Amino acid sequence: MSLVENGLIHLYVGDGKGKTTAALGLAMRALGAGEKIFFAQFLKGRESSEVIILKRLGIDVVRTEGIVKFSKYMNDEEKKSAKELCQKCLNQVKEAVKSNEYGLIVCDEVVDAINLGFIDTDEFLSIIEKRGSHTEIVMTGRNPNDKIVDTADYLTVMSALKHPYNKGIKGRLGIEY
């Protein structure tokens, strides 16, 4: 049974680095307190260093394996496949919520999946509303719609005031992925 008495909803958004990193930090804190964690990554299928350690620590991880491009570079067929993969990931979140065994469920990049039309806002909100009273939810992404914002108990905005990408420095293993 979870140690959390009132499971709340966290929303980490913005154009800056740190949304997934913040979600990972909360997952580590919850794990250290004895919580069981479910970590779902939408729109992420490429290798990413955090997945290795999450699995080693016994955290249940689901991802949209097969998505290897940013959506703006996808053709129509790839977008159709991405939508199917996001729906499959959402169904796994739904099962995690129904199981009532997790103290923390992270939905990384779910806001972007919603914005792209790969997931329906109302369907997602209906799923997380059914969580047990002890289950904390984290959502990450950019430009959340009003329904998502209104659902959140915590809203943290990450702002990209400076980023090495603007100098032409690509993402680095162990830092950005």
N, C-alpha and C. Protein backbone atom coordinates (compact mmCIF):
# COMPACT_ATOMS: atom_id res chain seq x y z
N MET A 1 0.84 -1.19 0.00
CA MET A 1 0.00 0.00 0.00
C MET A 1 0.88 1.24 0.00
N SER A 2 0.45 2.21 -0.68
CA SER A 2 1.19 3.46 -0.84
C SER A 2 1.23 4.26 0.46
N LEU A 3 2.28 5.03 0.62
CA LEU A 3 2.42 5.93 1.77
C LEU A 3 1.69 7.25 1.54
N VAL A 4 1.36 7.54 0.28
CA VAL A 4 0.71 8.80 -0.07
C VAL A 4 -0.76 8.72 0.35
N GLU A 5 -1.22 9.75 1.04
CA GLU A 5 -2.62 9.76 1.48
C GLU A 5 -3.54 10.44 0.46
N ASN A 6 -3.07 11.47 -0.17
CA ASN A 6 -3.88 12.21 -1.14
C ASN A 6 -3.10 12.32 -2.44
N GLY A 7 -3.32 11.39 -3.35
CA GLY A 7 -2.60 11.42 -4.62
C GLY A 7 -2.98 12.63 -5.45
N LEU A 8 -2.00 13.45 -5.79
CA LEU A 8 -2.22 14.67 -6.55
C LEU A 8 -1.66 14.55 -7.96
N ILE A 9 -1.89 15.58 -8.76
CA ILE A 9 -1.46 15.58 -10.16
C ILE A 9 -0.45 16.69 -10.40
N HIS A 10 0.69 16.30 -10.95
CA HIS A 10 1.78 17.21 -11.27
C HIS A 10 1.81 17.43 -12.78
N LEU A 11 2.06 18.65 -13.19
CA LEU A 11 2.18 18.98 -14.61
C LEU A 11 3.48 19.77 -14.79
N TYR A 12 4.43 19.17 -15.52
CA TYR A 12 5.71 19.82 -15.82
C TYR A 12 5.70 20.16 -17.30
N VAL A 13 5.71 21.44 -17.62
CA VAL A 13 5.59 21.89 -19.00
C VAL A 13 6.62 22.95 -19.34
N GLY A 14 6.67 23.31 -20.63
CA GLY A 14 7.51 24.41 -21.06
C GLY A 14 8.43 24.03 -22.19
N ASP A 15 9.18 25.01 -22.65
CA ASP A 15 10.10 24.80 -23.77
C ASP A 15 11.52 24.52 -23.29
N GLY A 16 11.69 24.41 -22.00
CA GLY A 16 13.02 24.20 -21.46
C GLY A 16 13.30 22.75 -21.13
N LYS A 17 14.59 22.48 -20.97
CA LYS A 17 15.06 21.18 -20.53
C LYS A 17 14.64 21.01 -19.08
N GLY A 18 14.28 19.81 -18.70
CA GLY A 18 14.03 19.55 -17.29
C GLY A 18 12.72 18.88 -16.96
N LYS A 19 11.81 18.75 -17.92
CA LYS A 19 10.51 18.16 -17.62
C LYS A 19 10.65 16.68 -17.26
N THR A 20 11.29 15.93 -18.12
CA THR A 20 11.51 14.51 -17.84
C THR A 20 12.44 14.35 -16.65
N THR A 21 13.44 15.21 -16.57
CA THR A 21 14.39 15.13 -15.45
C THR A 21 13.68 15.33 -14.12
N ALA A 22 12.74 16.27 -14.06
CA ALA A 22 11.96 16.50 -12.84
C ALA A 22 11.10 15.27 -12.52
N ALA A 23 10.49 14.69 -13.54
CA ALA A 23 9.67 13.50 -13.34
C ALA A 23 10.52 12.34 -12.82
N LEU A 24 11.72 12.21 -13.37
CA LEU A 24 12.64 11.16 -12.90
C LEU A 24 13.05 11.40 -11.45
N GLY A 25 13.29 12.65 -11.10
CA GLY A 25 13.66 12.98 -9.72
C GLY A 25 12.55 12.61 -8.75
N LEU A 26 11.31 12.92 -9.11
CA LEU A 26 10.19 12.56 -8.25
C LEU A 26 10.05 11.04 -8.16
N ALA A 27 10.27 10.35 -9.27
CA ALA A 27 10.22 8.89 -9.26
C ALA A 27 11.27 8.31 -8.31
N MET A 28 12.48 8.88 -8.33
CA MET A 28 13.53 8.39 -7.42
C MET A 28 13.14 8.65 -5.96
N ARG A 29 12.59 9.81 -5.70
CA ARG A 29 12.16 10.14 -4.33
C ARG A 29 11.07 9.17 -3.87
N ALA A 30 10.08 8.94 -4.73
CA ALA A 30 8.99 8.03 -4.37
C ALA A 30 9.49 6.61 -4.18
N LEU A 31 10.40 6.18 -5.05
CA LEU A 31 10.98 4.85 -4.93
C LEU A 31 11.73 4.72 -3.61
N GLY A 32 12.48 5.75 -3.25
CA GLY A 32 13.21 5.75 -1.98
C GLY A 32 12.29 5.67 -0.78
N ALA A 33 11.06 6.14 -0.93
CA ALA A 33 10.07 6.08 0.15
C ALA A 33 9.28 4.77 0.13
N GLY A 34 9.64 3.89 -0.80
CA GLY A 34 9.00 2.58 -0.85
C GLY A 34 7.81 2.46 -1.79
N GLU A 35 7.61 3.47 -2.64
CA GLU A 35 6.49 3.43 -3.58
C GLU A 35 6.82 2.55 -4.78
N LYS A 36 5.79 1.99 -5.38
CA LYS A 36 5.91 1.29 -6.65
C LYS A 36 5.63 2.30 -7.75
N ILE A 37 6.47 2.31 -8.80
CA ILE A 37 6.43 3.34 -9.83
C ILE A 37 6.10 2.72 -11.19
N PHE A 38 5.26 3.45 -11.95
CA PHE A 38 4.97 3.11 -13.35
C PHE A 38 5.38 4.32 -14.17
N PHE A 39 6.26 4.14 -15.13
CA PHE A 39 6.82 5.24 -15.93
C PHE A 39 6.50 5.00 -17.39
N ALA A 40 5.59 5.79 -17.94
CA ALA A 40 5.18 5.65 -19.35
C ALA A 40 5.77 6.80 -20.15
N GLN A 41 6.48 6.47 -21.24
CA GLN A 41 7.05 7.49 -22.10
C GLN A 41 6.35 7.47 -23.46
N PHE A 42 5.59 8.54 -23.70
CA PHE A 42 4.90 8.72 -24.98
C PHE A 42 5.86 9.44 -25.93
N LEU A 43 5.78 9.10 -27.21
CA LEU A 43 6.58 9.74 -28.27
C LEU A 43 8.08 9.52 -28.11
N LYS A 44 8.45 8.56 -27.30
CA LYS A 44 9.87 8.26 -27.11
C LYS A 44 10.10 6.78 -27.37
N GLY A 45 10.91 6.51 -28.38
CA GLY A 45 11.23 5.13 -28.71
C GLY A 45 12.71 4.91 -28.92
N ARG A 46 13.43 6.01 -29.09
CA ARG A 46 14.89 5.89 -29.26
C ARG A 46 15.54 5.56 -27.92
N GLU A 47 16.76 5.07 -27.97
CA GLU A 47 17.48 4.78 -26.74
C GLU A 47 17.58 6.02 -25.88
N SER A 48 17.44 5.82 -24.59
CA SER A 48 17.56 6.92 -23.64
C SER A 48 18.11 6.35 -22.34
N SER A 49 19.12 6.98 -21.80
CA SER A 49 19.84 6.43 -20.66
C SER A 49 18.98 6.20 -19.43
N GLU A 50 17.96 7.03 -19.22
CA GLU A 50 17.16 6.87 -18.01
C GLU A 50 16.43 5.54 -17.96
N VAL A 51 16.09 5.01 -19.12
CA VAL A 51 15.33 3.75 -19.16
C VAL A 51 16.16 2.62 -18.56
N ILE A 52 17.45 2.62 -18.82
CA ILE A 52 18.33 1.57 -18.30
C ILE A 52 18.27 1.53 -16.78
N ILE A 53 18.43 2.66 -16.15
CA ILE A 53 18.46 2.69 -14.69
C ILE A 53 17.08 2.48 -14.09
N LEU A 54 16.04 3.01 -14.73
CA LEU A 54 14.69 2.79 -14.22
C LEU A 54 14.40 1.29 -14.14
N LYS A 55 14.73 0.58 -15.20
CA LYS A 55 14.48 -0.87 -15.21
C LYS A 55 15.35 -1.59 -14.18
N ARG A 56 16.60 -1.19 -14.04
CA ARG A 56 17.49 -1.80 -13.04
C ARG A 56 16.94 -1.64 -11.63
N LEU A 57 16.27 -0.51 -11.41
CA LEU A 57 15.72 -0.22 -10.09
C LEU A 57 14.36 -0.89 -9.86
N GLY A 58 13.87 -1.60 -10.86
CA GLY A 58 12.61 -2.31 -10.71
C GLY A 58 11.38 -1.48 -11.01
N ILE A 59 11.58 -0.35 -11.66
CA ILE A 59 10.45 0.50 -12.04
C ILE A 59 9.85 -0.05 -13.34
N ASP A 60 8.54 -0.14 -13.37
CA ASP A 60 7.85 -0.61 -14.57
C ASP A 60 7.85 0.51 -15.62
N VAL A 61 8.45 0.22 -16.78
CA VAL A 61 8.60 1.22 -17.85
C VAL A 61 7.89 0.73 -19.11
N VAL A 62 7.08 1.60 -19.69
CA VAL A 62 6.50 1.34 -21.01
C VAL A 62 6.83 2.53 -21.89
N ARG A 63 7.07 2.25 -23.16
CA ARG A 63 7.47 3.30 -24.10
C ARG A 63 6.80 3.06 -25.44
N THR A 64 6.84 4.05 -26.27
CA THR A 64 6.33 3.91 -27.63
C THR A 64 7.48 3.47 -28.52
N GLU A 65 7.93 2.24 -28.28
CA GLU A 65 9.02 1.67 -29.07
C GLU A 65 8.64 1.72 -30.54
N GLY A 66 9.53 2.18 -31.36
CA GLY A 66 9.25 2.30 -32.79
C GLY A 66 9.18 3.75 -33.24
N ILE A 67 8.92 4.66 -32.30
CA ILE A 67 8.94 6.07 -32.65
C ILE A 67 10.39 6.55 -32.52
N VAL A 68 10.97 6.92 -33.64
CA VAL A 68 12.38 7.31 -33.63
C VAL A 68 12.61 8.71 -34.19
N LYS A 69 11.52 9.38 -34.56
CA LYS A 69 11.63 10.73 -35.12
C LYS A 69 10.74 11.68 -34.33
N PHE A 70 11.09 12.96 -34.36
CA PHE A 70 10.18 13.97 -33.85
C PHE A 70 9.01 14.04 -34.82
N SER A 71 7.83 14.36 -34.31
CA SER A 71 6.61 14.34 -35.12
C SER A 71 6.70 15.26 -36.34
N LYS A 72 7.42 16.38 -36.21
CA LYS A 72 7.49 17.30 -37.35
C LYS A 72 8.24 16.70 -38.55
N TYR A 73 8.98 15.62 -38.32
CA TYR A 73 9.70 14.96 -39.40
C TYR A 73 9.00 13.69 -39.90
N MET A 74 7.83 13.36 -39.33
CA MET A 74 7.11 12.14 -39.70
C MET A 74 6.23 12.37 -40.92
N ASN A 75 6.17 11.34 -41.76
CA ASN A 75 5.20 11.37 -42.86
C ASN A 75 3.86 10.84 -42.32
N ASP A 76 2.84 10.83 -43.15
CA ASP A 76 1.50 10.44 -42.70
C ASP A 76 1.46 9.01 -42.16
N GLU A 77 2.16 8.11 -42.81
CA GLU A 77 2.18 6.71 -42.37
C GLU A 77 2.86 6.59 -41.00
N GLU A 78 3.96 7.31 -40.82
CA GLU A 78 4.66 7.29 -39.52
C GLU A 78 3.80 7.91 -38.42
N LYS A 79 3.04 8.95 -38.75
CA LYS A 79 2.14 9.56 -37.76
C LYS A 79 1.03 8.59 -37.37
N LYS A 80 0.51 7.85 -38.34
CA LYS A 80 -0.53 6.86 -38.06
C LYS A 80 0.03 5.79 -37.11
N SER A 81 1.23 5.33 -37.39
CA SER A 81 1.88 4.33 -36.53
C SER A 81 2.14 4.90 -35.14
N ALA A 82 2.58 6.15 -35.09
CA ALA A 82 2.84 6.79 -33.79
C ALA A 82 1.57 6.90 -32.96
N LYS A 83 0.46 7.22 -33.63
CA LYS A 83 -0.82 7.31 -32.93
C LYS A 83 -1.19 5.96 -32.34
N GLU A 84 -1.00 4.89 -33.09
CA GLU A 84 -1.30 3.54 -32.60
C GLU A 84 -0.41 3.18 -31.40
N LEU A 85 0.87 3.55 -31.50
CA LEU A 85 1.79 3.26 -30.39
C LEU A 85 1.43 4.06 -29.14
N CYS A 86 1.03 5.31 -29.33
CA CYS A 86 0.61 6.13 -28.19
C CYS A 86 -0.66 5.58 -27.55
N GLN A 87 -1.57 5.08 -28.38
CA GLN A 87 -2.80 4.49 -27.85
C GLN A 87 -2.49 3.23 -27.05
N LYS A 88 -1.55 2.45 -27.55
CA LYS A 88 -1.13 1.23 -26.84
C LYS A 88 -0.50 1.61 -25.48
N CYS A 89 0.31 2.64 -25.48
CA CYS A 89 0.94 3.11 -24.25
C CYS A 89 -0.14 3.61 -23.28
N LEU A 90 -1.13 4.34 -23.79
CA LEU A 90 -2.22 4.83 -22.97
C LEU A 90 -3.00 3.66 -22.35
N ASN A 91 -3.21 2.61 -23.12
CA ASN A 91 -3.91 1.44 -22.59
C ASN A 91 -3.12 0.80 -21.44
N GLN A 92 -1.79 0.85 -21.53
CA GLN A 92 -0.97 0.32 -20.45
C GLN A 92 -1.07 1.21 -19.21
N VAL A 93 -1.16 2.52 -19.42
CA VAL A 93 -1.39 3.43 -18.29
C VAL A 93 -2.73 3.12 -17.65
N LYS A 94 -3.73 2.89 -18.48
CA LYS A 94 -5.07 2.57 -17.98
C LYS A 94 -5.03 1.32 -17.10
N GLU A 95 -4.31 0.31 -17.54
CA GLU A 95 -4.19 -0.93 -16.76
C GLU A 95 -3.44 -0.67 -15.44
N ALA A 96 -2.42 0.18 -15.50
CA ALA A 96 -1.67 0.52 -14.28
C ALA A 96 -2.58 1.23 -13.28
N VAL A 97 -3.40 2.15 -13.78
CA VAL A 97 -4.34 2.87 -12.91
C VAL A 97 -5.33 1.88 -12.31
N LYS A 98 -5.89 1.01 -13.15
CA LYS A 98 -6.89 0.04 -12.69
C LYS A 98 -6.32 -0.92 -11.64
N SER A 99 -5.03 -1.24 -11.77
CA SER A 99 -4.41 -2.19 -10.84
C SER A 99 -4.36 -1.65 -9.41
N ASN A 100 -4.34 -0.33 -9.28
CA ASN A 100 -4.30 0.33 -7.97
C ASN A 100 -3.08 -0.08 -7.14
N GLU A 101 -1.99 -0.45 -7.82
CA GLU A 101 -0.80 -0.89 -7.09
C GLU A 101 0.36 0.10 -7.13
N TYR A 102 0.19 1.22 -7.84
CA TYR A 102 1.28 2.18 -8.00
C TYR A 102 1.05 3.42 -7.15
N GLY A 103 2.11 3.86 -6.49
CA GLY A 103 2.06 5.11 -5.75
C GLY A 103 2.33 6.31 -6.64
N LEU A 104 3.01 6.07 -7.78
CA LEU A 104 3.33 7.14 -8.72
C LEU A 104 3.24 6.59 -10.14
N ILE A 105 2.50 7.31 -10.98
CA ILE A 105 2.42 6.99 -12.41
C ILE A 105 2.86 8.23 -13.17
N VAL A 106 3.94 8.08 -13.95
CA VAL A 106 4.47 9.18 -14.75
C VAL A 106 4.02 8.98 -16.20
N CYS A 107 3.48 10.03 -16.79
CA CYS A 107 3.08 10.04 -18.20
C CYS A 107 3.93 11.09 -18.91
N ASP A 108 5.13 10.69 -19.26
CA ASP A 108 6.11 11.58 -19.87
C ASP A 108 5.74 11.86 -21.32
N GLU A 109 5.69 13.13 -21.69
CA GLU A 109 5.34 13.61 -23.04
C GLU A 109 3.90 13.35 -23.43
N VAL A 110 3.05 13.06 -22.45
CA VAL A 110 1.64 12.81 -22.77
C VAL A 110 0.97 14.08 -23.30
N VAL A 111 1.41 15.24 -22.82
CA VAL A 111 0.81 16.50 -23.28
C VAL A 111 1.05 16.67 -24.78
N ASP A 112 2.25 16.33 -25.23
CA ASP A 112 2.55 16.44 -26.66
C ASP A 112 1.75 15.43 -27.48
N ALA A 113 1.59 14.22 -26.94
CA ALA A 113 0.79 13.21 -27.64
C ALA A 113 -0.66 13.69 -27.78
N ILE A 114 -1.16 14.37 -26.76
CA ILE A 114 -2.50 14.94 -26.83
C ILE A 114 -2.54 16.06 -27.87
N ASN A 115 -1.56 16.95 -27.84
CA ASN A 115 -1.53 18.07 -28.79
C ASN A 115 -1.47 17.62 -30.24
N LEU A 116 -0.84 16.49 -30.48
CA LEU A 116 -0.73 15.96 -31.84
C LEU A 116 -1.98 15.20 -32.27
N GLY A 117 -2.91 15.01 -31.36
CA GLY A 117 -4.12 14.27 -31.68
C GLY A 117 -3.92 12.76 -31.62
N PHE A 118 -2.81 12.31 -31.05
CA PHE A 118 -2.54 10.88 -30.92
C PHE A 118 -3.30 10.28 -29.75
N ILE A 119 -3.68 11.13 -28.79
CA ILE A 119 -4.46 10.73 -27.62
C ILE A 119 -5.53 11.80 -27.41
N ASP A 120 -6.71 11.36 -27.02
CA ASP A 120 -7.80 12.28 -26.75
C ASP A 120 -7.70 12.80 -25.30
N THR A 121 -7.81 14.10 -25.14
CA THR A 121 -7.73 14.72 -23.81
C THR A 121 -8.72 14.10 -22.84
N ASP A 122 -9.98 14.04 -23.24
CA ASP A 122 -11.02 13.54 -22.34
C ASP A 122 -10.80 12.08 -21.96
N GLU A 123 -10.34 11.27 -22.91
CA GLU A 123 -10.04 9.87 -22.62
C GLU A 123 -8.92 9.77 -21.59
N PHE A 124 -7.87 10.54 -21.79
CA PHE A 124 -6.75 10.52 -20.84
C PHE A 124 -7.20 10.96 -19.45
N LEU A 125 -7.92 12.08 -19.39
CA LEU A 125 -8.37 12.60 -18.09
C LEU A 125 -9.31 11.62 -17.40
N SER A 126 -10.15 10.94 -18.16
CA SER A 126 -11.04 9.93 -17.60
C SER A 126 -10.25 8.80 -16.95
N ILE A 127 -9.16 8.42 -17.58
CA ILE A 127 -8.31 7.35 -17.04
C ILE A 127 -7.68 7.78 -15.72
N ILE A 128 -7.07 8.96 -15.70
CA ILE A 128 -6.36 9.35 -14.48
C ILE A 128 -7.32 9.74 -13.35
N GLU A 129 -8.54 10.13 -13.69
CA GLU A 129 -9.53 10.42 -12.65
C GLU A 129 -9.91 9.17 -11.88
N LYS A 130 -9.71 8.01 -12.49
CA LYS A 130 -10.08 6.74 -11.86
C LYS A 130 -8.97 6.17 -10.98
N ARG A 131 -7.89 6.93 -10.82
CA ARG A 131 -6.78 6.44 -10.00
C ARG A 131 -7.23 6.32 -8.55
N GLY A 132 -6.52 5.48 -7.81
CA GLY A 132 -6.79 5.37 -6.38
C GLY A 132 -6.40 6.66 -5.67
N SER A 133 -6.97 6.88 -4.53
CA SER A 133 -6.71 8.12 -3.79
C SER A 133 -5.26 8.26 -3.36
N HIS A 134 -4.52 7.17 -3.40
CA HIS A 134 -3.12 7.18 -2.98
C HIS A 134 -2.15 7.33 -4.17
N THR A 135 -2.66 7.41 -5.39
CA THR A 135 -1.79 7.43 -6.58
C THR A 135 -1.52 8.85 -7.05
N GLU A 136 -0.24 9.18 -7.12
CA GLU A 136 0.22 10.47 -7.62
C GLU A 136 0.43 10.32 -9.13
N ILE A 137 0.09 11.35 -9.90
CA ILE A 137 0.25 11.32 -11.36
C ILE A 137 1.17 12.47 -11.77
N VAL A 138 2.07 12.20 -12.71
CA VAL A 138 2.90 13.24 -13.32
C VAL A 138 2.64 13.24 -14.82
N MET A 139 2.44 14.44 -15.37
CA MET A 139 2.30 14.62 -16.81
C MET A 139 3.39 15.60 -17.25
N THR A 140 4.01 15.36 -18.41
CA THR A 140 4.99 16.30 -18.94
C THR A 140 4.66 16.63 -20.39
N GLY A 141 5.22 17.75 -20.87
CA GLY A 141 5.07 18.13 -22.26
C GLY A 141 5.07 19.63 -22.45
N ARG A 142 4.69 20.05 -23.63
CA ARG A 142 4.67 21.46 -24.00
C ARG A 142 3.24 21.89 -24.32
N ASN A 143 2.93 23.13 -24.00
CA ASN A 143 1.66 23.76 -24.39
C ASN A 143 0.41 22.96 -24.01
N PRO A 144 0.21 22.72 -22.73
CA PRO A 144 -0.98 21.97 -22.32
C PRO A 144 -2.26 22.76 -22.58
N ASN A 145 -3.32 22.05 -22.90
CA ASN A 145 -4.60 22.72 -23.08
C ASN A 145 -5.21 23.05 -21.71
N ASP A 146 -6.27 23.83 -21.72
CA ASP A 146 -6.87 24.30 -20.47
C ASP A 146 -7.38 23.16 -19.60
N LYS A 147 -7.92 22.11 -20.20
CA LYS A 147 -8.43 20.98 -19.40
C LYS A 147 -7.29 20.32 -18.62
N ILE A 148 -6.15 20.16 -19.28
CA ILE A 148 -5.00 19.55 -18.61
C ILE A 148 -4.52 20.46 -17.47
N VAL A 149 -4.39 21.74 -17.75
CA VAL A 149 -3.94 22.69 -16.72
C VAL A 149 -4.91 22.69 -15.54
N ASP A 150 -6.20 22.71 -15.82
CA ASP A 150 -7.20 22.75 -14.75
C ASP A 150 -7.17 21.50 -13.88
N THR A 151 -6.77 20.38 -14.44
CA THR A 151 -6.72 19.12 -13.70
C THR A 151 -5.54 19.08 -12.73
N ALA A 152 -4.49 19.80 -13.04
CA ALA A 152 -3.24 19.73 -12.26
C ALA A 152 -3.38 20.39 -10.89
N ASP A 153 -2.74 19.76 -9.90
CA ASP A 153 -2.59 20.35 -8.57
C ASP A 153 -1.29 21.13 -8.48
N TYR A 154 -0.28 20.65 -9.19
CA TYR A 154 1.02 21.32 -9.30
C TYR A 154 1.20 21.72 -10.76
N LEU A 155 1.70 22.90 -11.01
CA LEU A 155 2.05 23.31 -12.38
C LEU A 155 3.43 23.94 -12.32
N THR A 156 4.39 23.30 -12.99
CA THR A 156 5.76 23.79 -13.05
C THR A 156 6.10 24.06 -14.51
N VAL A 157 6.59 25.27 -14.77
CA VAL A 157 6.94 25.66 -16.14
C VAL A 157 8.45 25.77 -16.26
N MET A 158 9.01 25.01 -17.19
CA MET A 158 10.44 25.04 -17.47
C MET A 158 10.66 26.00 -18.63
N SER A 159 11.51 26.98 -18.44
CA SER A 159 11.76 28.00 -19.46
C SER A 159 13.17 27.86 -20.01
N ALA A 160 13.29 27.83 -21.32
CA ALA A 160 14.60 27.74 -21.96
C ALA A 160 15.17 29.15 -22.12
N LEU A 161 15.83 29.62 -21.10
CA LEU A 161 16.47 30.93 -21.20
C LEU A 161 17.79 30.83 -21.95
N LYS A 162 18.41 29.67 -21.85
CA LYS A 162 19.68 29.40 -22.53
C LYS A 162 19.77 27.89 -22.71
N HIS A 163 20.22 27.46 -23.87
CA HIS A 163 20.37 26.03 -24.12
C HIS A 163 21.47 25.83 -25.15
N PRO A 164 22.37 24.86 -24.94
CA PRO A 164 23.47 24.62 -25.87
C PRO A 164 23.01 24.27 -27.29
N TYR A 165 21.80 23.76 -27.43
CA TYR A 165 21.27 23.44 -28.76
C TYR A 165 21.28 24.67 -29.66
N ASN A 166 21.04 25.84 -29.06
CA ASN A 166 21.04 27.09 -29.83
C ASN A 166 22.43 27.45 -30.35
N LYS A 167 23.47 26.83 -29.80
CA LYS A 167 24.84 27.03 -30.28
C LYS A 167 25.24 25.91 -31.24
N GLY A 168 24.28 25.04 -31.57
CA GLY A 168 24.59 23.94 -32.47
C GLY A 168 25.08 22.68 -31.77
N ILE A 169 25.04 22.64 -30.44
CA ILE A 169 25.48 21.46 -29.70
C ILE A 169 24.30 20.50 -29.61
N LYS A 170 24.48 19.32 -30.16
CA LYS A 170 23.42 18.32 -30.18
C LYS A 170 23.28 17.67 -28.81
N GLY A 171 22.14 16.98 -28.62
CA GLY A 171 21.89 16.27 -27.38
C GLY A 171 23.02 15.32 -27.05
N ARG A 172 23.37 15.25 -25.76
CA ARG A 172 24.50 14.44 -25.33
C ARG A 172 24.04 13.28 -24.47
N LEU A 173 24.62 12.11 -24.72
CA LEU A 173 24.32 10.89 -23.96
C LEU A 173 24.56 11.14 -22.48
N GLY A 174 23.60 10.78 -21.66
CA GLY A 174 23.74 10.94 -20.22
C GLY A 174 23.32 12.30 -19.71
N ILE A 175 23.10 13.25 -20.60
CA ILE A 175 22.66 14.60 -20.20
C ILE A 175 21.27 14.87 -20.77
N GLU A 176 21.14 14.84 -22.08
CA GLU A 176 19.85 15.07 -22.71
C GLU A 176 19.08 13.78 -23.00
N TYR A 177 19.78 12.67 -23.08
CA TYR A 177 19.11 11.39 -23.32
C TYR A 177 19.90 10.26 -22.72
